[in-house]
Amino acid sequence: MEVQYLELCKQFNDDELWSKIKDVFSTCQFIMGPEVEAFETSFARLCGVPYALGVNSGTDALFLALKALGIGDGDEVITAPNSFIATTGAIVASGARPVFVDVGQDYNMDVNLIEPAITSRTKAIIPVHLTGYPADMPAIMDIAKKRGLYVVEDAAQAVSASIQGKPVGSFGDIGCFSLHPLKNLNACGDAGALTTKSEEIYHKLKMLRNHGLKNRDEIEFFGYNSRMDTVQAIVALHVMKSLPDVIQKRCGNAARYEKGLHELAPEVIISPREKNFSHVFHTYIIQVKRRDKLAIYLADKGVRTKVHYLLPIHLQKPCMDMGYKKGDFPVCEAQSKEIISLPIHQFLTDDQVEYVVSLLRRFYS
């Protein structure tokens, strides 16, 4: 049986969507057309905030968030070392220095390690809701409030994840989302979004993404070009209608995996989850013994897997030049040697999930 890690083409196999995209070429409103504002209104409602903005990537969302908060040269921003490189890249691009803290068994920032990492130069915390599971935002917000720090949520993988019903992207000063085609809520190329509860931050972000323009002819400050293309807004709006079903299907797939794999411990470890934390399963990551041999075995049987992420950020060359070294974050480093991402997408059949489970059971029998 073939089990693809992704089924991207199926995401866009929709005549209604193609008709809407075709209309853009009639109006020629290719950038910041009316659909962008419609997307922003719907996305703000989805995230439980008064303001949302569409931008051209999740990476730009992170960068613009830091610039809007005045973070730059000489500042430090605390984050986790096991995210995609974009999180740290945005910090560096802003002029600030990334400061890493290790992670817990849920792959998210260990909140007990945040305060020891705070210095007089610390200006913000960027928790990453990795895999679609929320970081401990109540604890992080308590620390930030006590220490006078901004919080920028990297919710690139976690749209609609929540804690006690409160969506990610509504806890911190700014929430940052990716609408990359691999995400649960996707566009058909690079696109992203920002959320905030602050009217002041919203208006600053609105100008930052559009060259700093306050009207057609005048700028308030020098900004950037990070406007959302109309086509991306059309696709995201279309996909948003089916997002609850997408998440429900992914959660169902995860439940089937866990029912079939829980007896394989300690060879297979499923990360713990808090009762009131809602997971949306952008990825389904487990820790396994003999990871590389398992990946080869599964591939030979037609099952495609990934590793998110093979090399922790602090061990990438630019960060080692900052003074980071192997052994600095032992939990993250140990996990990177054992994590594997199984297919979790919404187009999987029950038979395909059971097939993957049966292969893992056979491999570890």
Foldseek 3Di string as FASTA:
>chain_A
DAAELDDLVVLPPDPVLVVVLVVCVVVVQFFPPPLQVVLFCVLCVLQVAPGKHKWQALLVQLLLLCVLVVDAAQAEEEEAQQAPCSNQVSCVVRHYHYDYAAPDLVRWHDLVGPVVRDDPRYAEYETECPQQWDDPLVSVLVVCVVVVHFYEYACQAHRNWDFLRRGPQERTQKYKYWQDSLHLQHFPHHMIMMGHNDPSSRVSSVCQCPQQDPDPPDHPDGHHPTTDTSRRSSSSVVSVVCSVVFQVLLVVLLVLLCVLCVVLPPQKAAGDDDPRTGGRRSWRKIFGPPQVVLQVQCVVVNFHKAQSPQDGNCPPVVNVVVVRDPPPHVVSNVRSVGMITGRRGNPDDPVNSVVSSVSVVVVRD
